[in-house]
């Protein structure tokens, strides 16, 4: 049996404007009492040109949102850096697998 300790899901579409994030959905699981979308991060990223600094700033917004919903708990010391890393990894993967960026679209 496998139980997810933390999860991040991202769906995105590159906008019609050159290399900018169009629509995006960000959701986390197992780090808040129930799975949640993080609208503040979606709004922050929409229309931005993807780069590593933007991803780091957005990842901090993800962890701030999680702490805002759940509060600081004993598990926060390991959940915060892990969910930030998972978020960046998921975002990078979504961007590299986008048909518009890989020339397939």
PDB file of N, CA and C in Angstrom:
ATOM      1  N   UNK A   1       0.838  -1.164   0.000  1.00  0.00           N
ATOM      2  CA  UNK A   1       0.000   0.000   0.000  1.00  0.00           C
ATOM      3  C   UNK A   1       0.889   1.236   0.000  1.00  0.00           C
ATOM      4  N   UNK A   2       0.547   2.204  -0.829  1.00  0.00           N
ATOM      5  CA  UNK A   2       1.291   3.461  -0.888  1.00  0.00           C
ATOM      6  C   UNK A   2       0.363   4.596  -0.469  1.00  0.00           C
ATOM      7  N   UNK A   3       0.863   5.438   0.396  1.00  0.00           N
ATOM      8  CA  UNK A   3       0.092   6.591   0.855  1.00  0.00           C
ATOM      9  C   UNK A   3       0.887   7.843   0.524  1.00  0.00           C
ATOM     10  N   UNK A   4       0.254   8.773  -0.164  1.00  0.00           N
ATOM     11  CA  UNK A   4       0.925  10.024  -0.516  1.00  0.00           C
ATOM     12  C   UNK A   4       1.083  10.889   0.728  1.00  0.00           C
ATOM     13  N   UNK A   5       2.294  11.309   0.983  1.00  0.00           N
ATOM     14  CA  UNK A   5       2.543  12.211   2.100  1.00  0.00           C
ATOM     15  C   UNK A   5       2.274  13.649   1.676  1.00  0.00           C
ATOM     16  N   UNK A   6       2.625  13.986   0.453  1.00  0.00           N
ATOM     17  CA  UNK A   6       2.396  15.321  -0.092  1.00  0.00           C
ATOM     18  C   UNK A   6       2.261  15.208  -1.596  1.00  0.00           C
ATOM     19  N   UNK A   7       1.455  16.074  -2.178  1.00  0.00           N
ATOM     20  CA  UNK A   7       1.321  16.070  -3.624  1.00  0.00           C
ATOM     21  C   UNK A   7       1.039  17.478  -4.124  1.00  0.00           C
ATOM     22  N   UNK A   8       1.470  17.723  -5.343  1.00  0.00           N
ATOM     23  CA  UNK A   8       1.223  18.988  -6.022  1.00  0.00           C
ATOM     24  C   UNK A   8       0.779  18.646  -7.435  1.00  0.00           C
ATOM     25  N   UNK A   9      -0.301  19.261  -7.869  1.00  0.00           N
ATOM     26  CA  UNK A   9      -0.769  19.073  -9.231  1.00  0.00           C
ATOM     27  C   UNK A   9      -0.830  20.414  -9.945  1.00  0.00           C
ATOM     28  N   UNK A  10      -0.363  20.434 -11.184  1.00  0.00           N
ATOM     29  CA  UNK A  10      -0.369  21.666 -11.975  1.00  0.00           C
ATOM     30  C   UNK A  10      -0.891  21.349 -13.365  1.00  0.00           C
ATOM     31  N   UNK A  11      -1.784  22.190 -13.841  1.00  0.00           N
ATOM     32  CA  UNK A  11      -2.240  22.156 -15.223  1.00  0.00           C
ATOM     33  C   UNK A  11      -2.009  23.565 -15.752  1.00  0.00           C
ATOM     34  N   UNK A  12      -1.379  23.675 -16.913  1.00  0.00           N
ATOM     35  CA  UNK A  12      -1.162  25.015 -17.440  1.00  0.00           C
ATOM     36  C   UNK A  12      -1.251  25.040 -18.947  1.00  0.00           C
ATOM     37  N   UNK A  13      -1.476  26.226 -19.422  1.00  0.00           N
ATOM     38  CA  UNK A  13      -1.511  26.490 -20.859  1.00  0.00           C
ATOM     39  C   UNK A  13      -0.667  27.734 -21.082  1.00  0.00           C
ATOM     40  N   UNK A  14       0.250  27.646 -22.030  1.00  0.00           N
ATOM     41  CA  UNK A  14       1.047  28.805 -22.373  1.00  0.00           C
ATOM     42  C   UNK A  14       0.142  29.749 -23.151  1.00  0.00           C
ATOM     43  N   UNK A  15       0.200  31.014 -22.779  1.00  0.00           N
ATOM     44  CA  UNK A  15      -0.676  32.009 -23.398  1.00  0.00           C
ATOM     45  C   UNK A  15      -0.290  32.316 -24.835  1.00  0.00           C
ATOM     46  N   UNK A  16      -1.162  33.038 -25.500  1.00  0.00           N
ATOM     47  CA  UNK A  16      -0.897  33.419 -26.883  1.00  0.00           C
ATOM     48  C   UNK A  16       0.251  34.413 -26.958  1.00  0.00           C
ATOM     49  N   UNK A  17       0.444  35.176 -25.875  1.00  0.00           N
ATOM     50  CA  UNK A  17       1.595  36.063 -25.830  1.00  0.00           C
ATOM     51  C   UNK A  17       2.844  35.202 -25.696  1.00  0.00           C
ATOM     52  N   UNK A  18       3.914  35.615 -26.309  1.00  0.00           N
ATOM     53  CA  UNK A  18       5.141  34.831 -26.403  1.00  0.00           C
ATOM     54  C   UNK A  18       5.653  34.328 -25.060  1.00  0.00           C
ATOM     55  N   UNK A  19       5.676  33.010 -24.903  1.00  0.00           N
ATOM     56  CA  UNK A  19       6.281  32.354 -23.744  1.00  0.00           C
ATOM     57  C   UNK A  19       5.787  32.857 -22.393  1.00  0.00           C
ATOM     58  N   UNK A  20       4.532  33.126 -22.281  1.00  0.00           N
ATOM     59  CA  UNK A  20       3.978  33.560 -20.993  1.00  0.00           C
ATOM     60  C   UNK A  20       2.944  32.540 -20.532  1.00  0.00           C
ATOM     61  N   UNK A  21       2.847  32.401 -19.229  1.00  0.00           N
ATOM     62  CA  UNK A  21       1.870  31.477 -18.666  1.00  0.00           C
ATOM     63  C   UNK A  21       0.486  32.042 -18.885  1.00  0.00           C
ATOM     64  N   UNK A  22      -0.368  31.256 -19.520  1.00  0.00           N
ATOM     65  CA  UNK A  22      -1.750  31.674 -19.749  1.00  0.00           C
ATOM     66  C   UNK A  22      -2.605  31.226 -18.583  1.00  0.00           C
ATOM     67  N   UNK A  23      -3.336  30.161 -18.779  1.00  0.00           N
ATOM     68  CA  UNK A  23      -4.151  29.609 -17.699  1.00  0.00           C
ATOM     69  C   UNK A  23      -3.325  28.626 -16.891  1.00  0.00           C
ATOM     70  N   UNK A  24      -3.564  28.618 -15.592  1.00  0.00           N
ATOM     71  CA  UNK A  24      -2.837  27.702 -14.719  1.00  0.00           C
ATOM     72  C   UNK A  24      -3.724  27.323 -13.545  1.00  0.00           C
ATOM     73  N   UNK A  25      -3.617  26.084 -13.129  1.00  0.00           N
ATOM     74  CA  UNK A  25      -4.301  25.579 -11.938  1.00  0.00           C
ATOM     75  C   UNK A  25      -3.251  24.897 -11.072  1.00  0.00           C
ATOM     76  N   UNK A  26      -3.251  25.224  -9.790  1.00  0.00           N
ATOM     77  CA  UNK A  26      -2.308  24.649  -8.843  1.00  0.00           C
ATOM     78  C   UNK A  26      -3.104  24.068  -7.689  1.00  0.00           C
ATOM     79  N   UNK A  27      -2.817  22.820  -7.357  1.00  0.00           N
ATOM     80  CA  UNK A  27      -3.509  22.171  -6.257  1.00  0.00           C
ATOM     81  C   UNK A  27      -2.500  21.389  -5.420  1.00  0.00           C
ATOM     82  N   UNK A  28      -2.765  21.360  -4.115  1.00  0.00           N
ATOM     83  CA  UNK A  28      -1.915  20.584  -3.211  1.00  0.00           C
ATOM     84  C   UNK A  28      -2.781  19.570  -2.478  1.00  0.00           C
ATOM     85  N   UNK A  29      -2.152  18.466  -2.113  1.00  0.00           N
ATOM     86  CA  UNK A  29      -2.851  17.437  -1.353  1.00  0.00           C
ATOM     87  C   UNK A  29      -1.958  16.914  -0.244  1.00  0.00           C
ATOM     88  N   UNK A  30      -2.582  16.486   0.811  1.00  0.00           N
ATOM     89  CA  UNK A  30      -1.916  15.882   1.968  1.00  0.00           C
ATOM     90  C   UNK A  30      -1.044  16.864   2.747  1.00  0.00           C
ATOM     91  N   UNK A  31      -1.170  18.155   2.486  1.00  0.00           N
ATOM     92  CA  UNK A  31      -0.460  19.162   3.279  1.00  0.00           C
ATOM     93  C   UNK A  31      -1.430  20.126   3.954  1.00  0.00           C
ATOM     94  N   UNK A  32      -2.681  20.003   3.626  1.00  0.00           N
ATOM     95  CA  UNK A  32      -3.761  20.758   4.259  1.00  0.00           C
ATOM     96  C   UNK A  32      -4.834  19.747   4.648  1.00  0.00           C
ATOM     97  N   UNK A  33      -5.774  20.141   5.477  1.00  0.00           N
ATOM     98  CA  UNK A  33      -6.808  19.182   5.896  1.00  0.00           C
ATOM     99  C   UNK A  33      -7.555  18.530   4.729  1.00  0.00           C
ATOM    100  N   UNK A  34      -7.736  19.269   3.619  1.00  0.00           N
ATOM    101  CA  UNK A  34      -8.356  18.723   2.413  1.00  0.00           C
ATOM    102  C   UNK A  34      -7.566  19.235   1.206  1.00  0.00           C
ATOM    103  N   UNK A  35      -7.598  18.525   0.071  1.00  0.00           N
ATOM    104  CA  UNK A  35      -6.923  19.043  -1.124  1.00  0.00           C
ATOM    105  C   UNK A  35      -7.478  20.425  -1.478  1.00  0.00           C
ATOM    106  N   UNK A  36      -6.603  21.311  -1.917  1.00  0.00           N
ATOM    107  CA  UNK A  36      -7.023  22.685  -2.196  1.00  0.00           C
ATOM    108  C   UNK A  36      -6.315  23.231  -3.417  1.00  0.00           C
ATOM    109  N   UNK A  37      -7.039  24.076  -4.136  1.00  0.00           N
ATOM    110  CA  UNK A  37      -6.411  24.880  -5.181  1.00  0.00           C
ATOM    111  C   UNK A  37      -5.829  26.112  -4.518  1.00  0.00           C
ATOM    112  N   UNK A  38      -4.759  26.618  -5.097  1.00  0.00           N
ATOM    113  CA  UNK A  38      -4.105  27.792  -4.539  1.00  0.00           C
ATOM    114  C   UNK A  38      -4.265  28.935  -5.541  1.00  0.00           C
ATOM    115  N   UNK A  39      -5.396  29.607  -5.459  1.00  0.00           N
ATOM    116  CA  UNK A  39      -5.759  30.660  -6.403  1.00  0.00           C
ATOM    117  C   UNK A  39      -4.775  31.830  -6.387  1.00  0.00           C
ATOM    118  N   UNK A  40      -4.244  32.169  -5.223  1.00  0.00           N
ATOM    119  CA  UNK A  40      -3.308  33.296  -5.132  1.00  0.00           C
ATOM    120  C   UNK A  40      -2.059  33.036  -5.975  1.00  0.00           C
ATOM    121  N   UNK A  41      -1.590  31.802  -5.988  1.00  0.00           N
ATOM    122  CA  UNK A  41      -0.414  31.453  -6.786  1.00  0.00           C
ATOM    123  C   UNK A  41      -0.775  31.433  -8.266  1.00  0.00           C
ATOM    124  N   UNK A  42      -1.962  30.945  -8.585  1.00  0.00           N
ATOM    125  CA  UNK A  42      -2.421  30.945  -9.980  1.00  0.00           C
ATOM    126  C   UNK A  42      -2.451  32.374 -10.521  1.00  0.00           C
ATOM    127  N   UNK A  43      -3.015  33.283  -9.748  1.00  0.00           N
ATOM    128  CA  UNK A  43      -3.091  34.690 -10.165  1.00  0.00           C
ATOM    129  C   UNK A  43      -1.705  35.299 -10.298  1.00  0.00           C
ATOM    130  N   UNK A  44      -0.819  34.964  -9.370  1.00  0.00           N
ATOM    131  CA  UNK A  44       0.542  35.485  -9.393  1.00  0.00           C
ATOM    132  C   UNK A  44       1.279  35.047 -10.657  1.00  0.00           C
ATOM    133  N   UNK A  45       1.113  33.802 -11.077  1.00  0.00           N
ATOM    134  CA  UNK A  45       1.847  33.263 -12.216  1.00  0.00           C
ATOM    135  C   UNK A  45       1.239  33.628 -13.570  1.00  0.00           C
ATOM    136  N   UNK A  46      -0.056  33.841 -13.612  1.00  0.00           N
ATOM    137  CA  UNK A  46      -0.742  34.108 -14.878  1.00  0.00           C
ATOM    138  C   UNK A  46      -0.158  35.353 -15.553  1.00  0.00           C
ATOM    139  N   UNK A  47       0.242  35.187 -16.812  1.00  0.00           N
ATOM    140  CA  UNK A  47       0.784  36.293 -17.593  1.00  0.00           C
ATOM    141  C   UNK A  47       2.277  36.510 -17.429  1.00  0.00           C
ATOM    142  N   UNK A  48       2.905  35.734 -16.553  1.00  0.00           N
ATOM    143  CA  UNK A  48       4.346  35.895 -16.302  1.00  0.00           C
ATOM    144  C   UNK A  48       5.165  35.051 -17.275  1.00  0.00           C
ATOM    145  N   UNK A  49       6.377  35.498 -17.520  1.00  0.00           N
ATOM    146  CA  UNK A  49       7.331  34.734 -18.325  1.00  0.00           C
ATOM    147  C   UNK A  49       8.043  33.761 -17.377  1.00  0.00           C
ATOM    148  N   UNK A  50       7.968  32.458 -17.630  1.00  0.00           N
ATOM    149  CA  UNK A  50       8.557  31.473 -16.710  1.00  0.00           C
ATOM    150  C   UNK A  50      10.071  31.624 -16.573  1.00  0.00           C
ATOM    151  N   UNK A  51      10.547  31.653 -15.341  1.00  0.00           N
ATOM    152  CA  UNK A  51      11.976  31.571 -15.062  1.00  0.00           C
ATOM    153  C   UNK A  51      12.169  31.083 -13.629  1.00  0.00           C
ATOM    154  N   UNK A  52      13.387  30.692 -13.329  1.00  0.00           N
ATOM    155  CA  UNK A  52      13.696  30.054 -12.037  1.00  0.00           C
ATOM    156  C   UNK A  52      13.377  30.968 -10.845  1.00  0.00           C
ATOM    157  N   UNK A  53      13.678  32.262 -10.943  1.00  0.00           N
ATOM    158  CA  UNK A  53      13.387  33.183  -9.839  1.00  0.00           C
ATOM    159  C   UNK A  53      11.884  33.286  -9.587  1.00  0.00           C
ATOM    160  N   UNK A  54      11.112  33.326 -10.666  1.00  0.00           N
ATOM    161  CA  UNK A  54       9.651  33.363 -10.544  1.00  0.00           C
ATOM    162  C   UNK A  54       9.155  32.101  -9.855  1.00  0.00           C
ATOM    163  N   UNK A  55       9.715  30.945 -10.226  1.00  0.00           N
ATOM    164  CA  UNK A  55       9.301  29.679  -9.621  1.00  0.00           C
ATOM    165  C   UNK A  55       9.582  29.673  -8.118  1.00  0.00           C
ATOM    166  N   UNK A  56      10.754  30.186  -7.726  1.00  0.00           N
ATOM    167  CA  UNK A  56      11.094  30.221  -6.295  1.00  0.00           C
ATOM    168  C   UNK A  56      10.128  31.112  -5.527  1.00  0.00           C
ATOM    169  N   UNK A  57       9.840  32.277  -6.090  1.00  0.00           N
ATOM    170  CA  UNK A  57       8.911  33.189  -5.419  1.00  0.00           C
ATOM    171  C   UNK A  57       7.515  32.571  -5.321  1.00  0.00           C
ATOM    172  N   UNK A  58       7.067  31.940  -6.386  1.00  0.00           N
ATOM    173  CA  UNK A  58       5.760  31.286  -6.378  1.00  0.00           C
ATOM    174  C   UNK A  58       5.730  30.133  -5.375  1.00  0.00           C
ATOM    175  N   UNK A  59       6.842  29.395  -5.251  1.00  0.00           N
ATOM    176  CA  UNK A  59       6.879  28.278  -4.301  1.00  0.00           C
ATOM    177  C   UNK A  59       6.733  28.779  -2.867  1.00  0.00           C
ATOM    178  N   UNK A  60       7.310  29.937  -2.579  1.00  0.00           N
ATOM    179  CA  UNK A  60       7.143  30.514  -1.234  1.00  0.00           C
ATOM    180  C   UNK A  60       5.688  30.910  -0.993  1.00  0.00           C
ATOM    181  N   UNK A  61       5.021  31.377  -2.046  1.00  0.00           N
ATOM    182  CA  UNK A  61       3.598  31.712  -1.909  1.00  0.00           C
ATOM    183  C   UNK A  61       2.761  30.455  -1.663  1.00  0.00           C
ATOM    184  N   UNK A  62       3.168  29.349  -2.268  1.00  0.00           N
ATOM    185  CA  UNK A  62       2.484  28.074  -2.020  1.00  0.00           C
ATOM    186  C   UNK A  62       2.586  27.724  -0.541  1.00  0.00           C
ATOM    187  N   UNK A  63       3.803  27.759   0.001  1.00  0.00           N
ATOM    188  CA  UNK A  63       3.975  27.372   1.409  1.00  0.00           C
ATOM    189  C   UNK A  63       3.298  28.362   2.347  1.00  0.00           C
ATOM    190  N   UNK A  64       3.298  29.657   2.012  1.00  0.00           N
ATOM    191  CA  UNK A  64       2.590  30.640   2.835  1.00  0.00           C
ATOM    192  C   UNK A  64       1.089  30.339   2.869  1.00  0.00           C
ATOM    193  N   UNK A  65       0.535  29.967   1.727  1.00  0.00           N
ATOM    194  CA  UNK A  65      -0.890  29.625   1.672  1.00  0.00           C
ATOM    195  C   UNK A  65      -1.197  28.408   2.530  1.00  0.00           C
ATOM    196  N   UNK A  66      -0.341  27.407   2.435  1.00  0.00           N
ATOM    197  CA  UNK A  66      -0.535  26.184   3.223  1.00  0.00           C
ATOM    198  C   UNK A  66      -0.503  26.498   4.710  1.00  0.00           C
ATOM    199  N   UNK A  67       0.482  27.278   5.133  1.00  0.00           N
ATOM    200  CA  UNK A  67       0.587  27.644   6.549  1.00  0.00           C
ATOM    201  C   UNK A  67      -0.596  28.498   6.984  1.00  0.00           C
ATOM    202  N   UNK A  68      -1.108  29.322   6.084  1.00  0.00           N
ATOM    203  CA  UNK A  68      -2.285  30.131   6.396  1.00  0.00           C
ATOM    204  C   UNK A  68      -3.519  29.287   6.651  1.00  0.00           C
ATOM    205  N   UNK A  69      -3.665  28.195   5.906  1.00  0.00           N
ATOM    206  CA  UNK A  69      -4.833  27.323   6.082  1.00  0.00           C
ATOM    207  C   UNK A  69      -4.671  26.380   7.263  1.00  0.00           C
ATOM    208  N   UNK A  70      -3.484  25.818   7.398  1.00  0.00           N
ATOM    209  CA  UNK A  70      -3.274  24.770   8.395  1.00  0.00           C
ATOM    210  C   UNK A  70      -2.628  25.258   9.677  1.00  0.00           C
ATOM    211  N   UNK A  71      -1.970  26.401   9.612  1.00  0.00           N
ATOM    212  CA  UNK A  71      -1.216  26.875  10.764  1.00  0.00           C
ATOM    213  C   UNK A  71       0.119  26.162  10.844  1.00  0.00           C
ATOM    214  N   UNK A  72       0.987  26.669  11.696  1.00  0.00           N
ATOM    215  CA  UNK A  72       2.296  26.055  11.883  1.00  0.00           C
ATOM    216  C   UNK A  72       2.116  24.855  12.799  1.00  0.00           C
ATOM    217  N   UNK A  73       2.570  23.715  12.321  1.00  0.00           N
ATOM    218  CA  UNK A  73       2.478  22.465  13.079  1.00  0.00           C
ATOM    219  C   UNK A  73       3.862  21.857  13.191  1.00  0.00           C
ATOM    220  N   UNK A  74       3.971  20.828  13.970  1.00  0.00           N
ATOM    221  CA  UNK A  74       5.267  20.150  14.120  1.00  0.00           C
ATOM    222  C   UNK A  74       5.792  19.669  12.770  1.00  0.00           C
ATOM    223  N   UNK A  75       4.897  19.260  11.884  1.00  0.00           N
ATOM    224  CA  UNK A  75       5.309  18.734  10.576  1.00  0.00           C
ATOM    225  C   UNK A  75       5.676  19.832   9.575  1.00  0.00           C
ATOM    226  N   UNK A  76       5.395  21.091   9.903  1.00  0.00           N
ATOM    227  CA  UNK A  76       5.664  22.190   8.971  1.00  0.00           C
ATOM    228  C   UNK A  76       7.138  22.305   8.612  1.00  0.00           C
ATOM    229  N   UNK A  77       8.021  21.979   9.544  1.00  0.00           N
ATOM    230  CA  UNK A  77       9.456  22.143   9.289  1.00  0.00           C
ATOM    231  C   UNK A  77       9.945  21.278   8.134  1.00  0.00           C
ATOM    232  N   UNK A  78       9.311  20.136   7.889  1.00  0.00           N
ATOM    233  CA  UNK A  78       9.710  19.345   6.737  1.00  0.00           C
ATOM    234  C   UNK A  78       8.741  19.498   5.575  1.00  0.00           C
ATOM    235  N   UNK A  79       7.475  19.784   5.836  1.00  0.00           N
ATOM    236  CA  UNK A  79       6.513  19.908   4.748  1.00  0.00           C
ATOM    237  C   UNK A  79       6.777  21.133   3.877  1.00  0.00           C
ATOM    238  N   UNK A  80       7.126  22.250   4.492  1.00  0.00           N
ATOM    239  CA  UNK A  80       7.300  23.490   3.724  1.00  0.00           C
ATOM    240  C   UNK A  80       8.385  23.346   2.650  1.00  0.00           C
ATOM    241  N   UNK A  81       9.609  22.960   2.976  1.00  0.00           N
ATOM    242  CA  UNK A  81      10.615  22.860   1.910  1.00  0.00           C
ATOM    243  C   UNK A  81      10.300  21.769   0.885  1.00  0.00           C
ATOM    244  N   UNK A  82       9.670  20.700   1.323  1.00  0.00           N
ATOM    245  CA  UNK A  82       9.360  19.618   0.383  1.00  0.00           C
ATOM    246  C   UNK A  82       8.259  20.047  -0.585  1.00  0.00           C
ATOM    247  N   UNK A  83       7.210  20.676  -0.094  1.00  0.00           N
ATOM    248  CA  UNK A  83       6.135  21.084  -0.995  1.00  0.00           C
ATOM    249  C   UNK A  83       6.624  22.184  -1.941  1.00  0.00           C
ATOM    250  N   UNK A  84       7.535  23.039  -1.484  1.00  0.00           N
ATOM    251  CA  UNK A  84       8.107  24.051  -2.381  1.00  0.00           C
ATOM    252  C   UNK A  84       8.893  23.375  -3.505  1.00  0.00           C
ATOM    253  N   UNK A  85       9.698  22.375  -3.158  1.00  0.00           N
ATOM    254  CA  UNK A  85      10.468  21.649  -4.172  1.00  0.00           C
ATOM    255  C   UNK A  85       9.553  20.869  -5.121  1.00  0.00           C
ATOM    256  N   UNK A  86       8.515  20.231  -4.577  1.00  0.00           N
ATOM    257  CA  UNK A  86       7.557  19.504  -5.426  1.00  0.00           C
ATOM    258  C   UNK A  86       6.855  20.446  -6.387  1.00  0.00           C
ATOM    259  N   UNK A  87       6.494  21.631  -5.904  1.00  0.00           N
ATOM    260  CA  UNK A  87       5.828  22.623  -6.748  1.00  0.00           C
ATOM    261  C   UNK A  87       6.732  23.022  -7.910  1.00  0.00           C
ATOM    262  N   UNK A  88       7.983  23.358  -7.612  1.00  0.00           N
ATOM    263  CA  UNK A  88       8.911  23.770  -8.674  1.00  0.00           C
ATOM    264  C   UNK A  88       9.114  22.629  -9.672  1.00  0.00           C
ATOM    265  N   UNK A  89       9.289  21.423  -9.173  1.00  0.00           N
ATOM    266  CA  UNK A  89       9.473  20.265 -10.054  1.00  0.00           C
ATOM    267  C   UNK A  89       8.251  20.054 -10.951  1.00  0.00           C
ATOM    268  N   UNK A  90       7.058  20.148 -10.371  1.00  0.00           N
ATOM    269  CA  UNK A  90       5.833  19.959 -11.161  1.00  0.00           C
ATOM    270  C   UNK A  90       5.669  21.061 -12.206  1.00  0.00           C
ATOM    271  N   UNK A  91       5.981  22.292 -11.825  1.00  0.00           N
ATOM    272  CA  UNK A  91       5.863  23.409 -12.760  1.00  0.00           C
ATOM    273  C   UNK A  91       6.851  23.255 -13.914  1.00  0.00           C
ATOM    274  N   UNK A  92       8.084  22.916 -13.605  1.00  0.00           N
ATOM    275  CA  UNK A  92       9.079  22.711 -14.661  1.00  0.00           C
ATOM    276  C   UNK A  92       8.688  21.562 -15.587  1.00  0.00           C
ATOM    277  N   UNK A  93       8.167  20.500 -15.006  1.00  0.00           N
ATOM    278  CA  UNK A  93       7.749  19.360 -15.826  1.00  0.00           C
ATOM    279  C   UNK A  93       6.580  19.741 -16.734  1.00  0.00           C
ATOM    280  N   UNK A  94       5.618  20.457 -16.183  1.00  0.00           N
ATOM    281  CA  UNK A  94       4.471  20.888 -16.995  1.00  0.00           C
ATOM    282  C   UNK A  94       4.925  21.786 -18.139  1.00  0.00           C
ATOM    283  N   UNK A  95       5.879  22.649 -17.882  1.00  0.00           N
ATOM    284  CA  UNK A  95       6.369  23.550 -18.928  1.00  0.00           C
ATOM    285  C   UNK A  95       7.170  22.815 -19.995  1.00  0.00           C
ATOM    286  N   UNK A  96       7.992  21.870 -19.604  1.00  0.00           N
ATOM    287  CA  UNK A  96       8.809  21.158 -20.607  1.00  0.00           C
ATOM    288  C   UNK A  96       7.982  20.169 -21.411  1.00  0.00           C
ATOM    289  N   UNK A  97       6.857  19.737 -20.873  1.00  0.00           N
ATOM    290  CA  UNK A  97       6.013  18.800 -21.607  1.00  0.00           C
ATOM    291  C   UNK A  97       4.908  19.498 -22.388  1.00  0.00           C
ATOM    292  N   UNK A  98       4.890  20.831 -22.362  1.00  0.00           N
ATOM    293  CA  UNK A  98       3.884  21.581 -23.110  1.00  0.00           C
ATOM    294  C   UNK A  98       4.136  21.435 -24.608  1.00  0.00           C
ATOM    295  N   UNK A  99       3.122  21.052 -25.387  1.00  0.00           N
ATOM    296  CA  UNK A  99       3.302  20.926 -26.845  1.00  0.00           C
ATOM    297  C   UNK A  99       3.722  22.235 -27.480  1.00  0.00           C
ATOM    298  N   UNK A 100       3.306  23.373 -26.924  1.00  0.00           N
ATOM    299  CA  UNK A 100       3.671  24.662 -27.507  1.00  0.00           C
ATOM    300  C   UNK A 100       5.151  24.956 -27.345  1.00  0.00           C
ATOM    301  N   UNK A 101       5.762  24.469 -26.269  1.00  0.00           N
ATOM    302  CA  UNK A 101       7.173  24.716 -26.046  1.00  0.00           C
ATOM    303  C   UNK A 101       8.049  23.678 -26.709  1.00  0.00           C
ATOM    304  N   UNK A 102       7.534  22.490 -26.925  1.00  0.00           N
ATOM    305  CA  UNK A 102       8.349  21.431 -27.504  1.00  0.00           C
ATOM    306  C   UNK A 102       8.247  21.366 -29.027  1.00  0.00           C
ATOM    307  N   UNK A 103       7.490  22.279 -29.624  1.00  0.00           N
ATOM    308  CA  UNK A 103       7.354  22.303 -31.059  1.00  0.00           C
ATOM    309  C   UNK A 103       6.314  21.360 -31.604  1.00  0.00           C
ATOM    310  N   UNK A 104       5.513  20.738 -30.738  1.00  0.00           N
ATOM    311  CA  UNK A 104       4.509  19.785 -31.189  1.00  0.00           C
ATOM    312  C   UNK A 104       3.156  20.445 -31.431  1.00  0.00           C
ATOM    313  N   UNK A 105       2.997  21.677 -31.010  1.00  0.00           N
ATOM    314  CA  UNK A 105       1.681  22.311 -31.071  1.00  0.00           C
ATOM    315  C   UNK A 105       1.484  23.228 -32.204  1.00  0.00           C
TER     316      UNK A 105
END
